Amino acid sequence: MAGALGLDLASKRKRTRSDYVYHEDYRSRWNDNDMFHHLNNPIYGVLIDSIINSYLIQKTGYSTSGSPHIGLVGSSYCDYFGSAHYPGMLNIGLRVVKLGKSSVMYEVGVFQEGEDQVKAVGGFIQIWVERKSNKPTSEGIPAHVRRQLEPLLKGSEQDPSLQSKL
């Protein structure tokens, strides 16, 4: 399929910044490094979670403390292709792979400033539920959130192999 961004490791390894619709920069910190002077693996998870929640808060009006619906992580992953490091700036890219009725599959790419190779590709599947019951609603993803997630769909949203993922 033309334009599709595959979810296999070989395809992820070829990701470029332009494969992601929304971007944020992150300045690495001394304590982000491990003893080998590489970004510590848990930091990638923090970056993935941070850009997704930053987008939700800034672009959809989502409130982590006041919204009647919450997005719970049902599954997460991170594949590593190179080492990011301190000191330096990281560029974090976000796209939506698939929107289901009550779930959304996100993908995040991590790039070191001044380098073209993607350092890591990760993401998670988020299931939207009612805050009080932790159960999906008949509405699914709230309409105002869905409207702001749709522009992030890029590359593999039409891939039939994704139908079983959500």
N, C-alpha and C. Protein backbone atom coordinates (compact mmCIF):
# COMPACT_ATOMS: atom_id res chain seq x y z
N MET A 1 0.84 -1.17 0.00
CA MET A 1 0.00 0.00 0.00
C MET A 1 0.89 1.23 0.00
N ALA A 2 0.66 2.12 -0.94
CA ALA A 2 1.46 3.33 -1.06
C ALA A 2 1.25 4.22 0.16
N GLY A 3 2.35 4.73 0.69
CA GLY A 3 2.26 5.67 1.80
C GLY A 3 2.07 5.03 3.16
N ALA A 4 1.88 3.72 3.21
CA ALA A 4 1.64 3.07 4.49
C ALA A 4 2.95 2.99 5.28
N LEU A 5 2.84 3.22 6.57
CA LEU A 5 3.98 3.08 7.48
C LEU A 5 3.83 1.76 8.20
N GLY A 6 4.61 0.77 7.82
CA GLY A 6 4.51 -0.55 8.42
C GLY A 6 4.86 -0.53 9.90
N LEU A 7 4.36 -1.51 10.61
CA LEU A 7 4.61 -1.62 12.05
C LEU A 7 5.67 -2.66 12.38
N ASP A 8 6.30 -3.24 11.36
CA ASP A 8 7.38 -4.19 11.58
C ASP A 8 8.66 -3.43 11.93
N LEU A 9 9.63 -4.12 12.52
CA LEU A 9 10.86 -3.47 12.97
C LEU A 9 11.63 -2.81 11.82
N ALA A 10 11.70 -3.45 10.68
CA ALA A 10 12.43 -2.88 9.55
C ALA A 10 11.82 -1.56 9.11
N SER A 11 10.50 -1.47 9.10
CA SER A 11 9.82 -0.22 8.73
C SER A 11 10.03 0.85 9.79
N LYS A 12 9.91 0.48 11.05
CA LYS A 12 10.10 1.46 12.12
C LYS A 12 11.50 2.04 12.10
N ARG A 13 12.49 1.21 11.81
CA ARG A 13 13.89 1.65 11.77
C ARG A 13 14.10 2.75 10.73
N LYS A 14 13.23 2.82 9.72
CA LYS A 14 13.36 3.81 8.64
C LYS A 14 12.55 5.08 8.89
N ARG A 15 11.92 5.20 10.06
CA ARG A 15 11.09 6.38 10.33
C ARG A 15 11.91 7.66 10.22
N THR A 16 11.24 8.71 9.71
CA THR A 16 11.81 10.04 9.65
C THR A 16 10.90 10.99 10.42
N ARG A 17 11.40 12.16 10.71
CA ARG A 17 10.60 13.15 11.43
C ARG A 17 9.30 13.45 10.68
N SER A 18 9.35 13.44 9.36
CA SER A 18 8.15 13.78 8.58
C SER A 18 7.07 12.70 8.66
N ASP A 19 7.37 11.55 9.23
CA ASP A 19 6.35 10.52 9.42
C ASP A 19 5.42 10.85 10.59
N TYR A 20 5.76 11.88 11.34
CA TYR A 20 4.99 12.26 12.53
C TYR A 20 4.38 13.64 12.32
N VAL A 21 3.15 13.79 12.76
CA VAL A 21 2.39 15.01 12.52
C VAL A 21 2.68 16.08 13.57
N TYR A 22 2.81 15.69 14.81
CA TYR A 22 2.97 16.63 15.92
C TYR A 22 4.35 16.40 16.55
N HIS A 23 5.03 17.48 16.90
CA HIS A 23 6.39 17.37 17.45
C HIS A 23 6.56 18.24 18.70
N GLU A 24 7.37 17.75 19.61
CA GLU A 24 7.81 18.54 20.76
C GLU A 24 9.30 18.28 20.95
N ASP A 25 10.00 19.27 21.49
CA ASP A 25 11.42 19.11 21.81
C ASP A 25 11.58 18.85 23.29
N TYR A 26 12.61 18.10 23.61
CA TYR A 26 12.93 17.76 25.00
C TYR A 26 14.43 17.91 25.18
N ARG A 27 14.83 18.70 26.15
CA ARG A 27 16.25 18.85 26.46
C ARG A 27 16.63 17.74 27.43
N SER A 28 17.57 16.90 26.98
CA SER A 28 18.00 15.81 27.86
C SER A 28 18.70 16.38 29.09
N ARG A 29 18.64 15.62 30.18
CA ARG A 29 19.22 16.04 31.45
C ARG A 29 20.30 15.04 31.86
N TRP A 30 21.20 15.48 32.70
CA TRP A 30 22.28 14.63 33.18
C TRP A 30 21.73 13.32 33.75
N ASN A 31 20.69 13.42 34.57
CA ASN A 31 20.18 12.21 35.21
C ASN A 31 19.34 11.32 34.28
N ASP A 32 19.18 11.72 33.01
CA ASP A 32 18.51 10.85 32.04
C ASP A 32 19.45 9.75 31.55
N ASN A 33 20.76 9.94 31.72
CA ASN A 33 21.75 8.98 31.22
C ASN A 33 21.89 7.78 32.14
N ASP A 34 22.26 6.66 31.53
CA ASP A 34 22.66 5.50 32.32
C ASP A 34 24.19 5.51 32.44
N MET A 35 24.76 4.48 33.02
CA MET A 35 26.20 4.45 33.24
C MET A 35 27.02 4.35 31.95
N PHE A 36 26.34 4.06 30.83
CA PHE A 36 27.02 3.96 29.54
C PHE A 36 26.88 5.26 28.73
N HIS A 37 26.34 6.30 29.36
CA HIS A 37 26.12 7.61 28.72
C HIS A 37 25.10 7.55 27.59
N HIS A 38 24.13 6.66 27.75
CA HIS A 38 22.99 6.56 26.84
C HIS A 38 21.76 6.97 27.63
N LEU A 39 20.76 7.47 26.93
CA LEU A 39 19.49 7.76 27.59
C LEU A 39 18.97 6.48 28.22
N ASN A 40 18.66 6.52 29.50
CA ASN A 40 18.18 5.36 30.23
C ASN A 40 16.85 4.89 29.64
N ASN A 41 16.66 3.59 29.47
CA ASN A 41 15.46 3.05 28.83
C ASN A 41 14.15 3.57 29.40
N PRO A 42 13.97 3.68 30.72
CA PRO A 42 12.68 4.19 31.22
C PRO A 42 12.38 5.62 30.78
N ILE A 43 13.39 6.40 30.43
CA ILE A 43 13.15 7.77 29.98
C ILE A 43 12.36 7.78 28.68
N TYR A 44 12.61 6.81 27.81
CA TYR A 44 11.84 6.74 26.57
C TYR A 44 10.34 6.58 26.87
N GLY A 45 10.02 5.76 27.86
CA GLY A 45 8.61 5.61 28.26
C GLY A 45 8.03 6.91 28.78
N VAL A 46 8.82 7.66 29.52
CA VAL A 46 8.37 8.97 30.02
C VAL A 46 8.12 9.91 28.85
N LEU A 47 9.02 9.91 27.86
CA LEU A 47 8.84 10.78 26.69
C LEU A 47 7.59 10.42 25.91
N ILE A 48 7.35 9.13 25.73
CA ILE A 48 6.16 8.66 25.02
C ILE A 48 4.90 9.11 25.75
N ASP A 49 4.84 8.85 27.04
CA ASP A 49 3.68 9.24 27.84
C ASP A 49 3.50 10.76 27.84
N SER A 50 4.61 11.48 27.94
CA SER A 50 4.54 12.94 28.05
C SER A 50 4.01 13.60 26.79
N ILE A 51 4.48 13.18 25.60
CA ILE A 51 4.00 13.85 24.38
C ILE A 51 2.53 13.54 24.13
N ILE A 52 2.11 12.32 24.43
CA ILE A 52 0.70 11.97 24.24
C ILE A 52 -0.17 12.79 25.18
N ASN A 53 0.18 12.84 26.45
CA ASN A 53 -0.63 13.61 27.40
C ASN A 53 -0.54 15.10 27.15
N SER A 54 0.61 15.59 26.74
CA SER A 54 0.75 17.00 26.40
C SER A 54 -0.20 17.36 25.26
N TYR A 55 -0.24 16.53 24.22
CA TYR A 55 -1.14 16.77 23.10
C TYR A 55 -2.59 16.75 23.58
N LEU A 56 -2.96 15.75 24.35
CA LEU A 56 -4.35 15.65 24.82
C LEU A 56 -4.75 16.88 25.63
N ILE A 57 -3.88 17.32 26.52
CA ILE A 57 -4.18 18.47 27.38
C ILE A 57 -4.24 19.76 26.56
N GLN A 58 -3.23 19.98 25.71
CA GLN A 58 -3.15 21.23 24.97
C GLN A 58 -4.12 21.34 23.80
N LYS A 59 -4.36 20.24 23.11
CA LYS A 59 -5.13 20.30 21.86
C LYS A 59 -6.58 19.84 21.97
N THR A 60 -6.88 19.00 22.97
CA THR A 60 -8.26 18.48 23.04
C THR A 60 -9.04 19.05 24.22
N GLY A 61 -8.35 19.75 25.12
CA GLY A 61 -9.03 20.26 26.31
C GLY A 61 -9.18 19.21 27.39
N TYR A 62 -8.50 18.08 27.23
CA TYR A 62 -8.58 17.01 28.22
C TYR A 62 -7.98 17.49 29.55
N SER A 63 -8.68 17.17 30.62
CA SER A 63 -8.20 17.49 31.97
C SER A 63 -7.96 16.18 32.72
N THR A 64 -6.73 15.97 33.15
CA THR A 64 -6.42 14.73 33.86
C THR A 64 -7.17 14.62 35.17
N SER A 65 -7.60 15.74 35.73
CA SER A 65 -8.29 15.69 37.02
C SER A 65 -9.79 15.93 36.93
N GLY A 66 -10.27 16.52 35.83
CA GLY A 66 -11.68 16.90 35.80
C GLY A 66 -12.53 16.30 34.70
N SER A 67 -11.91 15.66 33.71
CA SER A 67 -12.71 15.10 32.61
C SER A 67 -13.50 13.89 33.08
N PRO A 68 -14.74 13.74 32.58
CA PRO A 68 -15.55 12.58 32.98
C PRO A 68 -15.03 11.28 32.36
N HIS A 69 -14.19 11.38 31.33
CA HIS A 69 -13.60 10.21 30.69
C HIS A 69 -12.09 10.24 30.90
N ILE A 70 -11.48 9.07 30.99
CA ILE A 70 -10.03 8.99 31.10
C ILE A 70 -9.51 7.97 30.11
N GLY A 71 -8.28 8.18 29.68
CA GLY A 71 -7.63 7.24 28.77
C GLY A 71 -6.69 6.35 29.56
N LEU A 72 -6.97 5.05 29.60
CA LEU A 72 -6.13 4.09 30.31
C LEU A 72 -5.24 3.36 29.31
N VAL A 73 -4.00 3.11 29.68
CA VAL A 73 -3.08 2.39 28.81
C VAL A 73 -3.36 0.90 28.91
N GLY A 74 -3.66 0.29 27.77
CA GLY A 74 -3.94 -1.14 27.74
C GLY A 74 -2.73 -1.96 27.32
N SER A 75 -1.81 -1.32 26.59
CA SER A 75 -0.64 -2.01 26.09
C SER A 75 0.38 -0.95 25.69
N SER A 76 1.67 -1.24 25.89
CA SER A 76 2.71 -0.30 25.50
C SER A 76 3.93 -1.04 24.96
N TYR A 77 4.77 -0.32 24.22
CA TYR A 77 5.98 -0.93 23.67
C TYR A 77 7.00 0.16 23.36
N CYS A 78 8.25 -0.22 23.20
CA CYS A 78 9.30 0.66 22.70
C CYS A 78 10.37 -0.20 22.04
N ASP A 79 10.67 0.14 20.79
CA ASP A 79 11.72 -0.53 20.03
C ASP A 79 12.88 0.44 19.86
N TYR A 80 14.10 -0.02 20.14
CA TYR A 80 15.29 0.83 20.16
C TYR A 80 16.16 0.58 18.93
N PHE A 81 16.60 1.68 18.29
CA PHE A 81 17.41 1.59 17.08
C PHE A 81 18.73 2.35 17.19
N GLY A 82 18.91 3.09 18.23
CA GLY A 82 20.13 3.87 18.43
C GLY A 82 20.08 4.49 19.81
N SER A 83 21.15 5.17 20.17
CA SER A 83 21.23 5.76 21.51
C SER A 83 21.09 7.27 21.46
N ALA A 84 20.13 7.77 22.19
CA ALA A 84 20.05 9.21 22.42
C ALA A 84 20.91 9.49 23.65
N HIS A 85 21.26 10.76 23.87
CA HIS A 85 22.20 11.04 24.95
C HIS A 85 22.06 12.45 25.51
N TYR A 86 22.71 12.66 26.61
CA TYR A 86 22.91 13.96 27.23
C TYR A 86 24.35 14.37 26.95
N PRO A 87 24.62 15.63 26.73
CA PRO A 87 23.67 16.73 26.58
C PRO A 87 23.11 16.77 25.17
N GLY A 88 21.96 17.37 25.04
CA GLY A 88 21.39 17.54 23.72
C GLY A 88 19.88 17.70 23.75
N MET A 89 19.38 18.07 22.60
CA MET A 89 17.95 18.21 22.40
C MET A 89 17.44 16.98 21.67
N LEU A 90 16.28 16.54 22.06
CA LEU A 90 15.59 15.45 21.39
C LEU A 90 14.35 16.02 20.73
N ASN A 91 14.03 15.50 19.56
CA ASN A 91 12.78 15.85 18.91
C ASN A 91 11.90 14.61 18.99
N ILE A 92 10.71 14.79 19.56
CA ILE A 92 9.78 13.69 19.77
C ILE A 92 8.60 13.91 18.82
N GLY A 93 8.28 12.91 18.00
CA GLY A 93 7.18 13.01 17.05
C GLY A 93 6.04 12.09 17.44
N LEU A 94 4.82 12.53 17.16
CA LEU A 94 3.61 11.78 17.52
C LEU A 94 2.71 11.64 16.30
N ARG A 95 2.16 10.44 16.16
CA ARG A 95 1.11 10.20 15.18
C ARG A 95 0.11 9.22 15.79
N VAL A 96 -1.08 9.18 15.22
CA VAL A 96 -2.07 8.18 15.58
C VAL A 96 -2.06 7.14 14.47
N VAL A 97 -1.90 5.89 14.86
CA VAL A 97 -1.88 4.79 13.90
C VAL A 97 -3.31 4.38 13.55
N LYS A 98 -4.17 4.31 14.58
CA LYS A 98 -5.54 3.82 14.38
C LYS A 98 -6.45 4.39 15.45
N LEU A 99 -7.64 4.75 15.05
CA LEU A 99 -8.70 5.16 15.97
C LEU A 99 -9.79 4.10 15.94
N GLY A 100 -10.03 3.48 17.09
CA GLY A 100 -11.15 2.57 17.21
C GLY A 100 -12.32 3.31 17.83
N LYS A 101 -13.35 2.60 18.23
CA LYS A 101 -14.50 3.26 18.86
C LYS A 101 -14.12 3.80 20.24
N SER A 102 -13.48 2.98 21.06
CA SER A 102 -13.11 3.38 22.42
C SER A 102 -11.61 3.38 22.64
N SER A 103 -10.84 3.14 21.59
CA SER A 103 -9.39 3.04 21.78
C SER A 103 -8.65 3.78 20.68
N VAL A 104 -7.42 4.12 20.99
CA VAL A 104 -6.55 4.80 20.03
C VAL A 104 -5.16 4.20 20.16
N MET A 105 -4.53 3.96 19.00
CA MET A 105 -3.16 3.44 18.97
C MET A 105 -2.25 4.59 18.55
N TYR A 106 -1.32 4.95 19.45
CA TYR A 106 -0.38 6.03 19.20
C TYR A 106 0.99 5.46 18.84
N GLU A 107 1.75 6.22 18.06
CA GLU A 107 3.16 5.90 17.82
C GLU A 107 3.97 7.17 18.02
N VAL A 108 5.15 7.00 18.65
CA VAL A 108 6.04 8.11 18.96
C VAL A 108 7.43 7.76 18.43
N GLY A 109 8.07 8.72 17.76
CA GLY A 109 9.44 8.56 17.30
C GLY A 109 10.35 9.50 18.08
N VAL A 110 11.52 9.01 18.46
CA VAL A 110 12.49 9.82 19.21
C VAL A 110 13.71 10.03 18.33
N PHE A 111 14.09 11.30 18.13
CA PHE A 111 15.22 11.69 17.30
C PHE A 111 16.15 12.59 18.09
N GLN A 112 17.46 12.40 17.93
CA GLN A 112 18.45 13.30 18.53
C GLN A 112 18.62 14.47 17.57
N GLU A 113 18.64 15.68 18.12
CA GLU A 113 18.84 16.86 17.28
C GLU A 113 20.13 16.72 16.46
N GLY A 114 20.05 17.05 15.18
CA GLY A 114 21.22 16.99 14.31
C GLY A 114 21.49 15.62 13.72
N GLU A 115 20.68 14.62 14.05
CA GLU A 115 20.86 13.27 13.52
C GLU A 115 19.56 12.82 12.86
N ASP A 116 19.69 12.13 11.74
CA ASP A 116 18.51 11.69 10.99
C ASP A 116 17.96 10.35 11.44
N GLN A 117 18.81 9.48 12.00
CA GLN A 117 18.36 8.13 12.38
C GLN A 117 17.42 8.20 13.57
N VAL A 118 16.27 7.52 13.47
CA VAL A 118 15.36 7.43 14.60
C VAL A 118 16.05 6.61 15.69
N LYS A 119 15.94 7.07 16.92
CA LYS A 119 16.59 6.39 18.05
C LYS A 119 15.66 5.33 18.65
N ALA A 120 14.38 5.62 18.67
CA ALA A 120 13.42 4.68 19.24
C ALA A 120 12.05 4.98 18.65
N VAL A 121 11.24 3.94 18.54
CA VAL A 121 9.84 4.07 18.14
C VAL A 121 9.05 3.30 19.18
N GLY A 122 8.11 3.98 19.79
CA GLY A 122 7.30 3.35 20.81
C GLY A 122 5.89 3.90 20.77
N GLY A 123 5.11 3.45 21.71
CA GLY A 123 3.74 3.94 21.77
C GLY A 123 2.89 3.10 22.68
N PHE A 124 1.60 3.38 22.64
CA PHE A 124 0.68 2.56 23.40
C PHE A 124 -0.72 2.63 22.84
N ILE A 125 -1.51 1.68 23.28
CA ILE A 125 -2.94 1.67 22.98
C ILE A 125 -3.64 2.18 24.23
N GLN A 126 -4.46 3.17 24.02
CA GLN A 126 -5.18 3.82 25.12
C GLN A 126 -6.67 3.52 24.96
N ILE A 127 -7.29 3.09 26.04
CA ILE A 127 -8.71 2.77 26.04
C ILE A 127 -9.44 3.84 26.85
N TRP A 128 -10.39 4.49 26.22
CA TRP A 128 -11.14 5.56 26.87
C TRP A 128 -12.33 4.97 27.62
N VAL A 129 -12.41 5.33 28.90
CA VAL A 129 -13.45 4.81 29.79
C VAL A 129 -14.06 5.94 30.60
N GLU A 130 -15.19 5.63 31.22
CA GLU A 130 -15.80 6.58 32.15
C GLU A 130 -14.97 6.59 33.43
N ARG A 131 -14.64 7.76 33.90
CA ARG A 131 -13.80 7.90 35.09
C ARG A 131 -14.38 7.17 36.30
N LYS A 132 -15.68 7.29 36.53
CA LYS A 132 -16.30 6.72 37.74
C LYS A 132 -16.30 5.19 37.74
N SER A 133 -16.47 4.59 36.58
CA SER A 133 -16.64 3.13 36.53
C SER A 133 -15.44 2.39 35.94
N ASN A 134 -14.55 3.11 35.26
CA ASN A 134 -13.45 2.49 34.51
C ASN A 134 -13.94 1.54 33.43
N LYS A 135 -15.15 1.78 32.92
CA LYS A 135 -15.71 0.96 31.85
C LYS A 135 -15.93 1.82 30.60
N PRO A 136 -15.73 1.22 29.42
CA PRO A 136 -16.01 1.96 28.18
C PRO A 136 -17.45 2.43 28.15
N THR A 137 -17.68 3.56 27.52
CA THR A 137 -19.03 4.09 27.39
C THR A 137 -19.55 3.79 25.99
N SER A 138 -20.85 3.94 25.80
CA SER A 138 -21.43 3.73 24.48
C SER A 138 -20.91 4.76 23.49
N GLU A 139 -20.53 5.94 23.99
CA GLU A 139 -19.99 7.01 23.15
C GLU A 139 -18.59 6.66 22.62
N GLY A 140 -17.82 5.91 23.36
CA GLY A 140 -16.44 5.63 22.97
C GLY A 140 -15.54 6.81 23.31
N ILE A 141 -14.56 7.05 22.46
CA ILE A 141 -13.67 8.20 22.65
C ILE A 141 -14.54 9.45 22.59
N PRO A 142 -14.45 10.36 23.58
CA PRO A 142 -15.27 11.57 23.53
C PRO A 142 -15.09 12.31 22.20
N ALA A 143 -16.18 12.82 21.66
CA ALA A 143 -16.18 13.43 20.32
C ALA A 143 -15.16 14.56 20.21
N HIS A 144 -15.02 15.39 21.24
CA HIS A 144 -14.08 16.52 21.16
C HIS A 144 -12.63 16.04 21.14
N VAL A 145 -12.36 14.89 21.75
CA VAL A 145 -11.02 14.30 21.72
C VAL A 145 -10.78 13.67 20.35
N ARG A 146 -11.75 12.91 19.87
CA ARG A 146 -11.62 12.25 18.56
C ARG A 146 -11.34 13.28 17.46
N ARG A 147 -12.07 14.40 17.47
CA ARG A 147 -11.86 15.43 16.44
C ARG A 147 -10.41 15.91 16.39
N GLN A 148 -9.76 16.00 17.55
CA GLN A 148 -8.38 16.48 17.59
C GLN A 148 -7.36 15.36 17.36
N LEU A 149 -7.77 14.11 17.49
CA LEU A 149 -6.87 12.99 17.20
C LEU A 149 -6.85 12.67 15.71
N GLU A 150 -7.95 12.90 15.02
CA GLU A 150 -8.04 12.55 13.60
C GLU A 150 -6.94 13.19 12.75
N PRO A 151 -6.56 14.47 13.00
CA PRO A 151 -5.46 15.04 12.20
C PRO A 151 -4.11 14.34 12.40
N LEU A 152 -3.98 13.55 13.45
CA LEU A 152 -2.72 12.85 13.71
C LEU A 152 -2.62 11.52 12.98
N LEU A 153 -3.73 11.09 12.36
CA LEU A 153 -3.69 9.83 11.60
C LEU A 153 -2.74 10.00 10.42
N LYS A 154 -1.77 9.12 10.32
CA LYS A 154 -0.83 9.22 9.21
C LYS A 154 -0.21 7.87 8.91
N GLY A 155 -0.23 7.49 7.65
CA GLY A 155 0.58 6.38 7.19
C GLY A 155 -0.04 5.01 7.21
N SER A 156 -0.54 4.55 8.33
CA SER A 156 -1.02 3.17 8.36
C SER A 156 -2.47 3.06 8.78
N GLU A 157 -3.17 4.17 8.79
CA GLU A 157 -4.56 4.14 9.24
C GLU A 157 -5.46 3.29 8.35
N GLN A 158 -5.04 3.02 7.14
CA GLN A 158 -5.84 2.19 6.25
C GLN A 158 -5.31 0.75 6.14
N ASP A 159 -4.28 0.43 6.89
CA ASP A 159 -3.63 -0.88 6.81
C ASP A 159 -4.57 -1.95 7.38
N PRO A 160 -5.01 -2.92 6.58
CA PRO A 160 -5.95 -3.93 7.05
C PRO A 160 -5.39 -4.78 8.20
N SER A 161 -4.06 -4.91 8.30
CA SER A 161 -3.49 -5.70 9.38
C SER A 161 -3.71 -5.08 10.75
N LEU A 162 -4.08 -3.79 10.76
CA LEU A 162 -4.33 -3.11 12.04
C LEU A 162 -5.72 -3.40 12.59
N GLN A 163 -6.60 -3.93 11.79
CA GLN A 163 -7.97 -4.13 12.23
C GLN A 163 -8.05 -4.99 13.48
N SER A 164 -7.14 -5.94 13.63
CA SER A 164 -7.18 -6.82 14.80
C SER A 164 -6.45 -6.23 16.00
N LYS A 165 -5.79 -5.09 15.83
CA LYS A 165 -5.01 -4.48 16.91
C LYS A 165 -5.88 -3.69 17.88
N LEU A 166 -7.05 -3.24 17.43
CA LEU A 166 -7.91 -2.42 18.29
C LEU A 166 -9.30 -3.01 18.38
